Amino acid sequence: MWKRLSDPVLHIDLRRWADMLVVAPLDANTLGKVASGICDNLLTSVIRAWDRTKPLLFCPAMNTAMWEHPVTAQHVEQLKGFGYIEIPCVAKKLACGDEGLGAMAEVYTILEKVKEILLERDLLHQS
């Protein structure tokens, strides 16, 4: 927490420090906040301040009924319009017991996409 000018501001420091941001899982609530520009916690503040020249990947995960709601498609398109990269959800048995589309992509799929982007940007061996 900052109290005076020049004190560190965590969400800005994190934005500067990171080469990439991966939000996994991205639930319906946070998806709506990000699409609407709301930044009321550390994650949404980092995203709002994010340097859009750096990759931001998001992995939606929610109940099928929530995934199929029309506003969800609008929010996903808004994030893609910001230049963020979607790793689409998959169909399987969900945490609530329902079966259908809405489960977060497999971790392996997410890691492969991260690796692909890091290689593209020649960031894999810089750290």
C-alpha atoms as a PDB file:
ATOM      1  CA  MET A   1       0.000   0.000   0.000  1.00  0.00           C
ATOM      2  CA  TRP A   2       1.297   3.427  -0.863  1.00  0.00           C
ATOM      3  CA  LYS A   3       0.987   6.420   1.378  1.00  0.00           C
ATOM      4  CA  ARG A   4       2.936   9.095  -0.466  1.00  0.00           C
ATOM      5  CA  LEU A   5       4.301   9.906  -3.901  1.00  0.00           C
ATOM      6  CA  SER A   6       7.095   7.581  -5.065  1.00  0.00           C
ATOM      7  CA  ASP A   7       5.917   4.689  -2.863  1.00  0.00           C
ATOM      8  CA  PRO A   8       5.675   1.463  -4.895  1.00  0.00           C
ATOM      9  CA  VAL A   9       2.280   0.723  -6.453  1.00  0.00           C
ATOM     10  CA  LEU A  10       1.948  -3.061  -6.640  1.00  0.00           C
ATOM     11  CA  HIS A  11      -0.275  -3.390  -9.716  1.00  0.00           C
ATOM     12  CA  ILE A  12       2.015  -1.042 -11.669  1.00  0.00           C
ATOM     13  CA  ASP A  13       5.149  -2.823 -10.455  1.00  0.00           C
ATOM     14  CA  LEU A  14       3.673  -6.182 -11.488  1.00  0.00           C
ATOM     15  CA  ARG A  15       2.731  -4.812 -14.901  1.00  0.00           C
ATOM     16  CA  ARG A  16       6.297  -3.646 -15.447  1.00  0.00           C
ATOM     17  CA  TRP A  17       7.877  -6.829 -14.120  1.00  0.00           C
ATOM     18  CA  ALA A  18       5.924  -9.429 -16.125  1.00  0.00           C
ATOM     19  CA  ASP A  19       6.578 -10.350 -19.752  1.00  0.00           C
ATOM     20  CA  MET A  20       3.220 -12.091 -20.052  1.00  0.00           C
ATOM     21  CA  LEU A  21       0.008 -12.422 -18.063  1.00  0.00           C
ATOM     22  CA  VAL A  22      -2.007 -15.647 -18.007  1.00  0.00           C
ATOM     23  CA  VAL A  23      -5.390 -15.595 -16.305  1.00  0.00           C
ATOM     24  CA  ALA A  24      -6.371 -19.212 -15.697  1.00  0.00           C
ATOM     25  CA  PRO A  25      -9.124 -19.683 -14.857  1.00  0.00           C
ATOM     26  CA  LEU A  26     -11.031 -16.564 -15.852  1.00  0.00           C
ATOM     27  CA  ASP A  27     -14.451 -16.873 -14.238  1.00  0.00           C
ATOM     28  CA  ALA A  28     -17.614 -15.126 -15.428  1.00  0.00           C
ATOM     29  CA  ASN A  29     -17.393 -12.464 -12.728  1.00  0.00           C
ATOM     30  CA  THR A  30     -13.837 -11.432 -13.556  1.00  0.00           C
ATOM     31  CA  LEU A  31     -14.550 -11.663 -17.288  1.00  0.00           C
ATOM     32  CA  GLY A  32     -17.387  -9.161 -16.846  1.00  0.00           C
ATOM     33  CA  LYS A  33     -15.231  -6.868 -14.736  1.00  0.00           C
ATOM     34  CA  VAL A  34     -12.343  -6.863 -17.205  1.00  0.00           C
ATOM     35  CA  ALA A  35     -14.648  -6.328 -20.194  1.00  0.00           C
ATOM     36  CA  SER A  36     -16.273  -3.407 -18.359  1.00  0.00           C
ATOM     37  CA  GLY A  37     -13.026  -1.848 -17.153  1.00  0.00           C
ATOM     38  CA  ILE A  38     -13.721  -2.496 -13.484  1.00  0.00           C
ATOM     39  CA  CYS A  39     -10.572  -2.802 -11.392  1.00  0.00           C
ATOM     40  CA  ASP A  40     -11.544  -3.468  -7.798  1.00  0.00           C
ATOM     41  CA  ASN A  41      -8.886  -6.037  -6.842  1.00  0.00           C
ATOM     42  CA  LEU A  42      -5.227  -6.707  -7.586  1.00  0.00           C
ATOM     43  CA  LEU A  43      -5.838  -8.933 -10.624  1.00  0.00           C
ATOM     44  CA  THR A  44      -8.286  -6.597 -12.350  1.00  0.00           C
ATOM     45  CA  SER A  45      -6.049  -3.615 -11.544  1.00  0.00           C
ATOM     46  CA  VAL A  46      -3.039  -5.326 -13.132  1.00  0.00           C
ATOM     47  CA  ILE A  47      -5.130  -6.177 -16.189  1.00  0.00           C
ATOM     48  CA  ARG A  48      -6.474  -2.618 -16.474  1.00  0.00           C
ATOM     49  CA  ALA A  49      -2.917  -1.246 -16.316  1.00  0.00           C
ATOM     50  CA  TRP A  50      -1.513  -3.983 -18.593  1.00  0.00           C
ATOM     51  CA  ASP A  51       0.973  -3.015 -21.306  1.00  0.00           C
ATOM     52  CA  ARG A  52      -0.921  -4.200 -24.371  1.00  0.00           C
ATOM     53  CA  THR A  53       2.328  -4.708 -26.287  1.00  0.00           C
ATOM     54  CA  LYS A  54       2.845  -7.728 -23.987  1.00  0.00           C
ATOM     55  CA  PRO A  55       0.717 -10.865 -24.346  1.00  0.00           C
ATOM     56  CA  LEU A  56      -2.228 -11.449 -22.061  1.00  0.00           C
ATOM     57  CA  LEU A  57      -3.821 -14.888 -22.287  1.00  0.00           C
ATOM     58  CA  PHE A  58      -7.163 -15.703 -20.728  1.00  0.00           C
ATOM     59  CA  CYS A  59      -8.734 -19.083 -20.118  1.00  0.00           C
ATOM     60  CA  PRO A  60     -12.486 -18.853 -19.532  1.00  0.00           C
ATOM     61  CA  ALA A  61     -14.016 -21.309 -17.074  1.00  0.00           C
ATOM     62  CA  MET A  62     -17.620 -21.323 -15.913  1.00  0.00           C
ATOM     63  CA  ASN A  63     -20.821 -23.332 -15.871  1.00  0.00           C
ATOM     64  CA  THR A  64     -22.250 -24.165 -19.294  1.00  0.00           C
ATOM     65  CA  ALA A  65     -25.340 -22.023 -18.687  1.00  0.00           C
ATOM     66  CA  MET A  66     -23.116 -19.058 -17.885  1.00  0.00           C
ATOM     67  CA  TRP A  67     -20.867 -19.777 -20.882  1.00  0.00           C
ATOM     68  CA  GLU A  68     -23.874 -19.891 -23.215  1.00  0.00           C
ATOM     69  CA  HIS A  69     -25.346 -16.602 -21.954  1.00  0.00           C
ATOM     70  CA  PRO A  70     -25.168 -14.011 -24.776  1.00  0.00           C
ATOM     71  CA  VAL A  71     -23.266 -11.487 -22.640  1.00  0.00           C
ATOM     72  CA  THR A  72     -20.386 -13.955 -22.252  1.00  0.00           C
ATOM     73  CA  ALA A  73     -19.706 -13.961 -26.009  1.00  0.00           C
ATOM     74  CA  GLN A  74     -19.781 -10.143 -25.983  1.00  0.00           C
ATOM     75  CA  HIS A  75     -17.293 -10.008 -23.117  1.00  0.00           C
ATOM     76  CA  VAL A  76     -14.937 -12.513 -24.755  1.00  0.00           C
ATOM     77  CA  GLU A  77     -15.025 -10.502 -27.982  1.00  0.00           C
ATOM     78  CA  GLN A  78     -14.257  -7.317 -26.039  1.00  0.00           C
ATOM     79  CA  LEU A  79     -11.170  -8.916 -24.503  1.00  0.00           C
ATOM     80  CA  LYS A  80     -10.042 -10.180 -27.894  1.00  0.00           C
ATOM     81  CA  GLY A  81     -10.624  -6.658 -29.218  1.00  0.00           C
ATOM     82  CA  PHE A  82      -8.169  -5.397 -26.599  1.00  0.00           C
ATOM     83  CA  GLY A  83      -5.608  -7.741 -28.160  1.00  0.00           C
ATOM     84  CA  TYR A  84      -5.865 -10.407 -25.464  1.00  0.00           C
ATOM     85  CA  ILE A  85      -5.554 -14.048 -26.510  1.00  0.00           C
ATOM     86  CA  GLU A  86      -8.288 -16.539 -25.666  1.00  0.00           C
ATOM     87  CA  ILE A  87      -7.486 -20.133 -24.876  1.00  0.00           C
ATOM     88  CA  PRO A  88     -10.985 -21.531 -25.382  1.00  0.00           C
ATOM     89  CA  CYS A  89     -12.808 -23.542 -22.759  1.00  0.00           C
ATOM     90  CA  VAL A  90     -13.600 -27.204 -23.350  1.00  0.00           C
ATOM     91  CA  ALA A  91     -16.524 -29.558 -22.816  1.00  0.00           C
ATOM     92  CA  LYS A  92     -16.321 -32.037 -19.940  1.00  0.00           C
ATOM     93  CA  LYS A  93     -17.781 -32.734 -16.504  1.00  0.00           C
ATOM     94  CA  LEU A  94     -17.717 -29.427 -14.627  1.00  0.00           C
ATOM     95  CA  ALA A  95     -17.017 -28.770 -10.956  1.00  0.00           C
ATOM     96  CA  CYS A  96     -20.753 -28.341 -10.323  1.00  0.00           C
ATOM     97  CA  GLY A  97     -21.446 -31.807 -11.732  1.00  0.00           C
ATOM     98  CA  ASP A  98     -22.982 -30.602 -15.014  1.00  0.00           C
ATOM     99  CA  GLU A  99     -21.486 -31.767 -18.266  1.00  0.00           C
ATOM    100  CA  GLY A 100     -20.834 -29.424 -21.165  1.00  0.00           C
ATOM    101  CA  LEU A 101     -18.798 -26.544 -22.504  1.00  0.00           C
ATOM    102  CA  GLY A 102     -17.250 -24.216 -19.957  1.00  0.00           C
ATOM    103  CA  ALA A 103     -14.343 -26.100 -18.397  1.00  0.00           C
ATOM    104  CA  MET A 104     -10.956 -24.407 -18.458  1.00  0.00           C
ATOM    105  CA  ALA A 105      -8.638 -25.668 -21.183  1.00  0.00           C
ATOM    106  CA  GLU A 106      -6.245 -28.398 -20.096  1.00  0.00           C
ATOM    107  CA  VAL A 107      -3.105 -27.130 -18.380  1.00  0.00           C
ATOM    108  CA  TYR A 108      -1.019 -28.786 -21.098  1.00  0.00           C
ATOM    109  CA  THR A 109      -2.867 -26.773 -23.765  1.00  0.00           C
ATOM    110  CA  ILE A 110      -2.286 -23.548 -21.839  1.00  0.00           C
ATOM    111  CA  LEU A 111       1.412 -24.288 -21.343  1.00  0.00           C
ATOM    112  CA  GLU A 112       1.867 -25.096 -25.033  1.00  0.00           C
ATOM    113  CA  LYS A 113       0.326 -21.741 -25.993  1.00  0.00           C
ATOM    114  CA  VAL A 114       2.528 -19.915 -23.472  1.00  0.00           C
ATOM    115  CA  LYS A 115       5.612 -21.641 -24.837  1.00  0.00           C
ATOM    116  CA  GLU A 116       4.595 -20.836 -28.429  1.00  0.00           C
ATOM    117  CA  ILE A 117       4.189 -17.139 -27.649  1.00  0.00           C
ATOM    118  CA  LEU A 118       7.434 -16.963 -25.659  1.00  0.00           C
ATOM    119  CA  LEU A 119       9.315 -18.585 -28.544  1.00  0.00           C
ATOM    120  CA  GLU A 120       7.676 -16.211 -31.054  1.00  0.00           C
ATOM    121  CA  ARG A 121       8.783 -13.229 -28.991  1.00  0.00           C
ATOM    122  CA  ASP A 122      12.203 -14.722 -28.199  1.00  0.00           C
ATOM    123  CA  LEU A 123      11.494 -14.440 -24.474  1.00  0.00           C
ATOM    124  CA  LEU A 124      12.005 -18.077 -23.499  1.00  0.00           C
ATOM    125  CA  HIS A 125      15.715 -17.767 -22.702  1.00  0.00           C
ATOM    126  CA  GLN A 126      15.939 -14.139 -21.606  1.00  0.00           C
ATOM    127  CA  SER A 127      15.081 -14.623 -17.940  1.00  0.00           C
END
